[in-house]
Amino acid sequence: AIDPIRIQRKNPITDLRKVLDGGKKAIEAGRSVLVFPQGRRERLFEPASFNSLGTKLAQNAKAPIIPIAVATDFLRIGKKHRDVFASVHIKSPVRVSCGPAIPCDLPRTEIQNRCIDFISSKLTEWEKLDNRKMLADGKVEPK
């Protein structure tokens, strides 16, 4: 990442202010800001853990939000593999899809729901293509 906004994950209010202020400045400078609203990469997408930080930033900066679905199962999850080896499953597809721009003047819940719906729909599509579970539904066993 170029000039990332680093948060500590110790004080949520401090982190929120840092992302809103730093993100707004970055957007005003013409840069894009990527926010990972699940906090960290997980094997399954859990909409309930999807926070509204990206939506808050978009509304604060008066910028559209573009949902991005990413299937990260080509990367191994786990501290050892991620930090030391950065292992990649070379037979797993890399899947990324950008959704349509969502105006920031919509209600926050509408923006949030559109983002979740887009990501869920792409993951459902990829599940069918890859015969691999990506969405959490209470039964977290792989297909």
N, C-alpha and C. Protein backbone atom coordinates (compact mmCIF):
# COMPACT_ATOMS: atom_id res chain seq x y z
N ALA A 1 0.84 -1.19 0.00
CA ALA A 1 0.00 0.00 0.00
C ALA A 1 0.89 1.25 0.00
N ILE A 2 0.44 2.23 -0.71
CA ILE A 2 1.15 3.51 -0.74
C ILE A 2 0.55 4.40 0.32
N ASP A 3 1.38 4.82 1.28
CA ASP A 3 0.95 5.70 2.35
C ASP A 3 -0.30 5.17 3.08
N PRO A 4 -0.21 3.97 3.66
CA PRO A 4 -1.38 3.39 4.33
C PRO A 4 -1.78 4.17 5.58
N ILE A 5 -3.03 4.06 5.94
CA ILE A 5 -3.53 4.64 7.19
C ILE A 5 -3.46 3.50 8.21
N ARG A 6 -2.49 3.59 9.08
CA ARG A 6 -2.26 2.51 10.05
C ARG A 6 -3.11 2.72 11.30
N ILE A 7 -3.78 1.66 11.71
CA ILE A 7 -4.56 1.71 12.94
C ILE A 7 -3.99 0.69 13.92
N GLN A 8 -4.25 0.91 15.20
CA GLN A 8 -3.67 0.05 16.24
C GLN A 8 -4.61 -1.05 16.72
N ARG A 9 -5.91 -0.90 16.50
CA ARG A 9 -6.92 -1.86 16.97
C ARG A 9 -6.96 -1.97 18.50
N LYS A 10 -6.61 -0.88 19.16
CA LYS A 10 -6.68 -0.86 20.62
C LYS A 10 -7.78 0.07 21.09
N ASN A 11 -7.98 1.18 20.38
CA ASN A 11 -8.99 2.16 20.74
C ASN A 11 -9.83 2.45 19.49
N PRO A 12 -11.05 1.91 19.43
CA PRO A 12 -11.88 2.06 18.23
C PRO A 12 -12.16 3.52 17.85
N ILE A 13 -12.33 4.39 18.83
CA ILE A 13 -12.61 5.80 18.54
C ILE A 13 -11.40 6.46 17.89
N THR A 14 -10.22 6.19 18.43
CA THR A 14 -8.99 6.74 17.85
C THR A 14 -8.80 6.22 16.43
N ASP A 15 -9.02 4.93 16.23
CA ASP A 15 -8.89 4.34 14.89
C ASP A 15 -9.89 4.96 13.92
N LEU A 16 -11.13 5.15 14.36
CA LEU A 16 -12.16 5.75 13.51
C LEU A 16 -11.75 7.15 13.08
N ARG A 17 -11.34 7.96 14.03
CA ARG A 17 -10.91 9.33 13.70
C ARG A 17 -9.73 9.33 12.73
N LYS A 18 -8.79 8.43 12.97
CA LYS A 18 -7.60 8.37 12.11
C LYS A 18 -7.99 8.00 10.67
N VAL A 19 -8.87 7.03 10.51
CA VAL A 19 -9.29 6.62 9.17
C VAL A 19 -10.14 7.71 8.51
N LEU A 20 -11.06 8.31 9.26
CA LEU A 20 -11.91 9.35 8.67
C LEU A 20 -11.08 10.57 8.26
N ASP A 21 -10.17 11.00 9.12
CA ASP A 21 -9.34 12.18 8.79
C ASP A 21 -8.33 11.86 7.69
N GLY A 22 -7.57 10.79 7.88
CA GLY A 22 -6.55 10.42 6.89
C GLY A 22 -7.16 10.02 5.56
N GLY A 23 -8.28 9.31 5.61
CA GLY A 23 -8.95 8.89 4.39
C GLY A 23 -9.51 10.06 3.61
N LYS A 24 -10.11 11.00 4.32
CA LYS A 24 -10.66 12.18 3.66
C LYS A 24 -9.55 12.99 2.98
N LYS A 25 -8.42 13.15 3.67
CA LYS A 25 -7.29 13.88 3.08
C LYS A 25 -6.77 13.16 1.83
N ALA A 26 -6.69 11.84 1.90
CA ALA A 26 -6.22 11.06 0.75
C ALA A 26 -7.17 11.22 -0.44
N ILE A 27 -8.46 11.14 -0.18
CA ILE A 27 -9.45 11.27 -1.25
C ILE A 27 -9.41 12.68 -1.85
N GLU A 28 -9.28 13.68 -0.98
CA GLU A 28 -9.19 15.07 -1.46
C GLU A 28 -7.92 15.28 -2.30
N ALA A 29 -6.88 14.48 -2.03
CA ALA A 29 -5.63 14.57 -2.80
C ALA A 29 -5.71 13.74 -4.09
N GLY A 30 -6.86 13.13 -4.34
CA GLY A 30 -7.05 12.37 -5.58
C GLY A 30 -6.68 10.91 -5.50
N ARG A 31 -6.43 10.39 -4.29
CA ARG A 31 -6.07 8.99 -4.13
C ARG A 31 -7.29 8.17 -3.72
N SER A 32 -7.25 6.91 -4.03
CA SER A 32 -8.29 5.99 -3.59
C SER A 32 -7.91 5.43 -2.23
N VAL A 33 -8.90 5.05 -1.46
CA VAL A 33 -8.67 4.45 -0.15
C VAL A 33 -9.38 3.10 -0.13
N LEU A 34 -8.64 2.05 0.16
CA LEU A 34 -9.22 0.72 0.31
C LEU A 34 -9.44 0.46 1.78
N VAL A 35 -10.65 0.04 2.12
CA VAL A 35 -10.99 -0.29 3.51
C VAL A 35 -11.42 -1.76 3.52
N PHE A 36 -10.88 -2.51 4.46
CA PHE A 36 -11.24 -3.91 4.61
C PHE A 36 -12.16 -4.03 5.82
N PRO A 37 -13.48 -4.00 5.60
CA PRO A 37 -14.42 -3.89 6.70
C PRO A 37 -14.61 -5.14 7.56
N GLN A 38 -13.98 -6.24 7.23
CA GLN A 38 -14.04 -7.39 8.12
C GLN A 38 -12.88 -7.36 9.10
N GLY A 39 -12.01 -6.39 8.97
CA GLY A 39 -10.89 -6.25 9.89
C GLY A 39 -9.68 -7.06 9.50
N ARG A 40 -9.89 -8.27 9.07
CA ARG A 40 -8.78 -9.12 8.62
C ARG A 40 -9.34 -10.15 7.64
N ARG A 41 -8.45 -10.77 6.93
CA ARG A 41 -8.88 -11.77 5.95
C ARG A 41 -9.38 -13.01 6.68
N GLU A 42 -10.55 -13.46 6.29
CA GLU A 42 -11.15 -14.67 6.85
C GLU A 42 -11.42 -15.64 5.71
N ARG A 43 -11.52 -16.90 6.05
CA ARG A 43 -11.80 -17.90 5.03
C ARG A 43 -13.20 -17.73 4.45
N LEU A 44 -14.16 -17.37 5.29
CA LEU A 44 -15.54 -17.20 4.85
C LEU A 44 -15.99 -15.77 5.07
N PHE A 45 -16.81 -15.27 4.16
CA PHE A 45 -17.37 -13.92 4.28
C PHE A 45 -18.55 -13.98 5.23
N GLU A 46 -18.49 -13.19 6.28
CA GLU A 46 -19.54 -13.13 7.30
C GLU A 46 -20.13 -11.72 7.29
N PRO A 47 -21.27 -11.52 6.63
CA PRO A 47 -21.85 -10.17 6.55
C PRO A 47 -22.06 -9.50 7.90
N ALA A 48 -22.34 -10.28 8.94
CA ALA A 48 -22.57 -9.69 10.27
C ALA A 48 -21.32 -9.03 10.83
N SER A 49 -20.13 -9.45 10.37
CA SER A 49 -18.89 -8.85 10.88
C SER A 49 -18.39 -7.72 9.99
N PHE A 50 -19.16 -7.38 8.98
CA PHE A 50 -18.79 -6.37 7.99
C PHE A 50 -19.14 -4.99 8.57
N ASN A 51 -18.12 -4.24 9.02
CA ASN A 51 -18.41 -2.96 9.67
C ASN A 51 -18.66 -1.86 8.63
N SER A 52 -19.13 -0.72 9.09
CA SER A 52 -19.55 0.37 8.19
C SER A 52 -18.48 1.44 8.02
N LEU A 53 -17.23 1.13 8.32
CA LEU A 53 -16.16 2.13 8.24
C LEU A 53 -16.02 2.72 6.83
N GLY A 54 -16.06 1.88 5.81
CA GLY A 54 -15.95 2.37 4.44
C GLY A 54 -17.09 3.31 4.08
N THR A 55 -18.28 2.96 4.52
CA THR A 55 -19.45 3.81 4.27
C THR A 55 -19.30 5.15 4.99
N LYS A 56 -18.87 5.10 6.23
CA LYS A 56 -18.67 6.34 7.00
C LYS A 56 -17.62 7.23 6.33
N LEU A 57 -16.54 6.63 5.87
CA LEU A 57 -15.49 7.40 5.20
C LEU A 57 -16.02 8.03 3.92
N ALA A 58 -16.73 7.26 3.11
CA ALA A 58 -17.27 7.79 1.85
C ALA A 58 -18.20 8.97 2.12
N GLN A 59 -19.06 8.84 3.12
CA GLN A 59 -19.98 9.94 3.42
C GLN A 59 -19.23 11.14 3.99
N ASN A 60 -18.24 10.90 4.83
CA ASN A 60 -17.44 11.99 5.41
C ASN A 60 -16.68 12.75 4.33
N ALA A 61 -16.16 12.02 3.34
CA ALA A 61 -15.37 12.64 2.27
C ALA A 61 -16.23 13.07 1.08
N LYS A 62 -17.53 12.77 1.17
CA LYS A 62 -18.46 13.07 0.07
C LYS A 62 -17.98 12.46 -1.25
N ALA A 63 -17.63 11.18 -1.17
CA ALA A 63 -17.12 10.43 -2.32
C ALA A 63 -17.95 9.17 -2.51
N PRO A 64 -18.09 8.72 -3.75
CA PRO A 64 -18.82 7.46 -3.96
C PRO A 64 -18.02 6.29 -3.38
N ILE A 65 -18.73 5.23 -3.11
CA ILE A 65 -18.07 4.02 -2.61
C ILE A 65 -18.20 2.95 -3.69
N ILE A 66 -17.13 2.21 -3.89
CA ILE A 66 -17.13 1.14 -4.89
C ILE A 66 -16.86 -0.17 -4.15
N PRO A 67 -17.87 -1.05 -4.09
CA PRO A 67 -17.63 -2.32 -3.41
C PRO A 67 -16.70 -3.20 -4.24
N ILE A 68 -15.82 -3.89 -3.56
CA ILE A 68 -14.88 -4.78 -4.23
C ILE A 68 -14.97 -6.15 -3.57
N ALA A 69 -15.27 -7.15 -4.36
CA ALA A 69 -15.29 -8.53 -3.87
C ALA A 69 -13.94 -9.15 -4.20
N VAL A 70 -13.34 -9.78 -3.20
CA VAL A 70 -12.05 -10.43 -3.38
C VAL A 70 -12.11 -11.82 -2.76
N ALA A 71 -11.81 -12.82 -3.53
CA ALA A 71 -11.70 -14.17 -2.99
C ALA A 71 -10.23 -14.36 -2.64
N THR A 72 -9.94 -14.41 -1.36
CA THR A 72 -8.54 -14.46 -0.92
C THR A 72 -8.08 -15.87 -0.58
N ASP A 73 -8.86 -16.87 -0.95
CA ASP A 73 -8.45 -18.22 -0.58
C ASP A 73 -7.23 -18.73 -1.34
N PHE A 74 -6.75 -17.96 -2.32
CA PHE A 74 -5.49 -18.32 -2.98
C PHE A 74 -4.31 -18.04 -2.06
N LEU A 75 -4.54 -17.23 -1.01
CA LEU A 75 -3.50 -16.96 0.00
C LEU A 75 -3.78 -17.81 1.22
N ARG A 76 -2.75 -18.32 1.81
CA ARG A 76 -2.94 -19.09 3.04
C ARG A 76 -3.24 -18.13 4.18
N ILE A 77 -4.14 -18.55 5.04
CA ILE A 77 -4.48 -17.74 6.19
C ILE A 77 -3.76 -18.32 7.40
N GLY A 78 -3.18 -17.46 8.18
CA GLY A 78 -2.46 -17.89 9.36
C GLY A 78 -1.20 -17.09 9.49
N LYS A 79 -0.86 -16.76 10.69
CA LYS A 79 0.28 -15.88 10.93
C LYS A 79 1.56 -16.43 10.32
N LYS A 80 1.84 -17.70 10.53
CA LYS A 80 3.08 -18.29 10.04
C LYS A 80 3.19 -18.16 8.51
N HIS A 81 2.16 -18.58 7.81
CA HIS A 81 2.23 -18.55 6.34
C HIS A 81 2.20 -17.14 5.80
N ARG A 82 1.34 -16.30 6.34
CA ARG A 82 1.19 -14.94 5.81
C ARG A 82 2.45 -14.12 6.03
N ASP A 83 2.98 -14.16 7.24
CA ASP A 83 4.09 -13.27 7.58
C ASP A 83 5.45 -13.82 7.18
N VAL A 84 5.64 -15.11 7.27
CA VAL A 84 6.95 -15.67 7.01
C VAL A 84 7.09 -16.15 5.56
N PHE A 85 6.13 -16.91 5.11
CA PHE A 85 6.26 -17.54 3.81
C PHE A 85 5.45 -16.86 2.71
N ALA A 86 4.40 -16.12 3.07
CA ALA A 86 3.51 -15.50 2.09
C ALA A 86 3.10 -16.53 1.04
N SER A 87 2.70 -17.70 1.50
CA SER A 87 2.37 -18.80 0.60
C SER A 87 1.14 -18.50 -0.24
N VAL A 88 1.20 -18.95 -1.45
CA VAL A 88 0.09 -18.80 -2.39
C VAL A 88 -0.27 -20.18 -2.91
N HIS A 89 -1.56 -20.48 -2.93
CA HIS A 89 -2.03 -21.71 -3.55
C HIS A 89 -2.03 -21.47 -5.06
N ILE A 90 -1.05 -21.98 -5.75
CA ILE A 90 -0.90 -21.65 -7.18
C ILE A 90 -2.00 -22.23 -8.05
N LYS A 91 -2.73 -23.23 -7.56
CA LYS A 91 -3.83 -23.80 -8.35
C LYS A 91 -5.16 -23.12 -8.05
N SER A 92 -5.20 -22.23 -7.09
CA SER A 92 -6.44 -21.52 -6.76
C SER A 92 -6.55 -20.26 -7.60
N PRO A 93 -7.74 -19.99 -8.13
CA PRO A 93 -7.90 -18.77 -8.92
C PRO A 93 -7.85 -17.52 -8.05
N VAL A 94 -7.38 -16.44 -8.63
CA VAL A 94 -7.41 -15.13 -7.98
C VAL A 94 -8.64 -14.43 -8.54
N ARG A 95 -9.57 -14.07 -7.67
CA ARG A 95 -10.81 -13.46 -8.15
C ARG A 95 -11.02 -12.12 -7.47
N VAL A 96 -11.20 -11.08 -8.31
CA VAL A 96 -11.47 -9.72 -7.84
C VAL A 96 -12.53 -9.14 -8.76
N SER A 97 -13.53 -8.48 -8.17
CA SER A 97 -14.57 -7.85 -8.98
C SER A 97 -15.00 -6.54 -8.32
N CYS A 98 -15.04 -5.48 -9.12
CA CYS A 98 -15.49 -4.17 -8.63
C CYS A 98 -16.94 -3.96 -9.02
N GLY A 99 -17.72 -3.51 -8.06
CA GLY A 99 -19.13 -3.24 -8.32
C GLY A 99 -19.35 -1.82 -8.82
N PRO A 100 -20.59 -1.48 -9.05
CA PRO A 100 -20.91 -0.12 -9.51
C PRO A 100 -20.71 0.89 -8.38
N ALA A 101 -20.38 2.11 -8.76
CA ALA A 101 -20.23 3.18 -7.77
C ALA A 101 -21.57 3.42 -7.07
N ILE A 102 -21.50 3.59 -5.77
CA ILE A 102 -22.69 3.85 -4.96
C ILE A 102 -22.59 5.27 -4.44
N PRO A 103 -23.58 6.11 -4.71
CA PRO A 103 -23.52 7.51 -4.26
C PRO A 103 -23.47 7.60 -2.74
N CYS A 104 -22.71 8.54 -2.23
CA CYS A 104 -22.53 8.69 -0.79
C CYS A 104 -23.72 9.38 -0.12
N ASP A 105 -24.65 9.94 -0.91
CA ASP A 105 -25.76 10.66 -0.30
C ASP A 105 -26.95 9.76 0.03
N LEU A 106 -26.81 8.47 -0.18
CA LEU A 106 -27.85 7.52 0.23
C LEU A 106 -27.75 7.29 1.74
N PRO A 107 -28.80 6.78 2.36
CA PRO A 107 -28.69 6.43 3.78
C PRO A 107 -27.60 5.39 4.01
N ARG A 108 -26.93 5.49 5.13
CA ARG A 108 -25.80 4.60 5.43
C ARG A 108 -26.18 3.12 5.33
N THR A 109 -27.35 2.76 5.83
CA THR A 109 -27.75 1.35 5.77
C THR A 109 -27.96 0.89 4.33
N GLU A 110 -28.45 1.77 3.47
CA GLU A 110 -28.64 1.41 2.06
C GLU A 110 -27.28 1.17 1.39
N ILE A 111 -26.32 2.04 1.65
CA ILE A 111 -24.98 1.86 1.08
C ILE A 111 -24.38 0.55 1.58
N GLN A 112 -24.48 0.33 2.87
CA GLN A 112 -23.93 -0.87 3.49
C GLN A 112 -24.56 -2.12 2.88
N ASN A 113 -25.88 -2.11 2.75
CA ASN A 113 -26.58 -3.27 2.19
C ASN A 113 -26.20 -3.52 0.74
N ARG A 114 -26.03 -2.45 -0.03
CA ARG A 114 -25.62 -2.62 -1.44
C ARG A 114 -24.23 -3.24 -1.53
N CYS A 115 -23.33 -2.80 -0.66
CA CYS A 115 -21.97 -3.37 -0.65
C CYS A 115 -22.01 -4.85 -0.30
N ILE A 116 -22.72 -5.18 0.77
CA ILE A 116 -22.82 -6.58 1.21
C ILE A 116 -23.49 -7.43 0.13
N ASP A 117 -24.56 -6.91 -0.47
CA ASP A 117 -25.26 -7.67 -1.52
C ASP A 117 -24.35 -7.94 -2.71
N PHE A 118 -23.56 -6.93 -3.12
CA PHE A 118 -22.66 -7.12 -4.26
C PHE A 118 -21.62 -8.18 -3.93
N ILE A 119 -20.97 -8.04 -2.79
CA ILE A 119 -19.91 -8.99 -2.41
C ILE A 119 -20.49 -10.40 -2.27
N SER A 120 -21.62 -10.52 -1.60
CA SER A 120 -22.25 -11.83 -1.43
C SER A 120 -22.60 -12.46 -2.78
N SER A 121 -23.13 -11.66 -3.70
CA SER A 121 -23.51 -12.21 -5.01
C SER A 121 -22.28 -12.70 -5.79
N LYS A 122 -21.18 -11.96 -5.72
CA LYS A 122 -19.96 -12.40 -6.41
C LYS A 122 -19.41 -13.67 -5.78
N LEU A 123 -19.40 -13.72 -4.45
CA LEU A 123 -18.88 -14.92 -3.79
C LEU A 123 -19.75 -16.13 -4.09
N THR A 124 -21.07 -15.92 -4.16
CA THR A 124 -21.97 -17.02 -4.53
C THR A 124 -21.66 -17.51 -5.94
N GLU A 125 -21.44 -16.57 -6.85
CA GLU A 125 -21.08 -16.91 -8.23
C GLU A 125 -19.77 -17.71 -8.25
N TRP A 126 -18.78 -17.26 -7.51
CA TRP A 126 -17.48 -17.93 -7.49
C TRP A 126 -17.56 -19.28 -6.79
N GLU A 127 -18.43 -19.39 -5.78
CA GLU A 127 -18.62 -20.69 -5.12
C GLU A 127 -19.04 -21.74 -6.15
N LYS A 128 -19.97 -21.35 -7.00
CA LYS A 128 -20.47 -22.28 -8.02
C LYS A 128 -19.39 -22.63 -9.04
N LEU A 129 -18.60 -21.65 -9.43
CA LEU A 129 -17.53 -21.89 -10.41
C LEU A 129 -16.44 -22.80 -9.84
N ASP A 130 -16.09 -22.58 -8.59
CA ASP A 130 -14.95 -23.27 -7.99
C ASP A 130 -15.33 -24.44 -7.10
N ASN A 131 -16.64 -24.63 -6.87
CA ASN A 131 -17.11 -25.66 -5.94
C ASN A 131 -16.38 -25.53 -4.60
N ARG A 132 -16.33 -24.29 -4.10
CA ARG A 132 -15.63 -23.98 -2.86
C ARG A 132 -16.48 -23.03 -2.05
N LYS A 133 -16.63 -23.29 -0.78
CA LYS A 133 -17.45 -22.46 0.09
C LYS A 133 -16.74 -21.16 0.44
N MET A 134 -17.46 -20.02 0.26
CA MET A 134 -16.89 -18.71 0.57
C MET A 134 -17.78 -17.88 1.48
N LEU A 135 -19.06 -18.25 1.57
CA LEU A 135 -20.01 -17.50 2.38
C LEU A 135 -20.33 -18.25 3.66
N ALA A 136 -20.33 -17.55 4.78
CA ALA A 136 -20.71 -18.16 6.05
C ALA A 136 -22.23 -18.25 6.09
N ASP A 137 -22.72 -19.38 6.57
CA ASP A 137 -24.17 -19.54 6.70
C ASP A 137 -24.51 -20.33 7.96
N GLY A 138 -23.59 -20.36 8.87
CA GLY A 138 -23.80 -21.14 10.08
C GLY A 138 -23.23 -22.54 9.98
N LYS A 139 -22.98 -23.05 8.78
CA LYS A 139 -22.43 -24.38 8.59
C LYS A 139 -21.06 -24.26 7.98
N VAL A 140 -20.08 -23.86 8.57
CA VAL A 140 -18.83 -23.46 7.94
C VAL A 140 -17.98 -24.60 7.36
N GLU A 141 -18.62 -25.72 7.02
CA GLU A 141 -17.84 -26.79 6.40
C GLU A 141 -17.60 -26.48 4.92
N PRO A 142 -16.43 -26.82 4.40
CA PRO A 142 -16.19 -26.61 2.97
C PRO A 142 -17.06 -27.54 2.13
N LYS A 143 -17.35 -27.13 0.90
CA LYS A 143 -18.15 -27.97 -0.01
C LYS A 143 -17.37 -29.19 -0.42
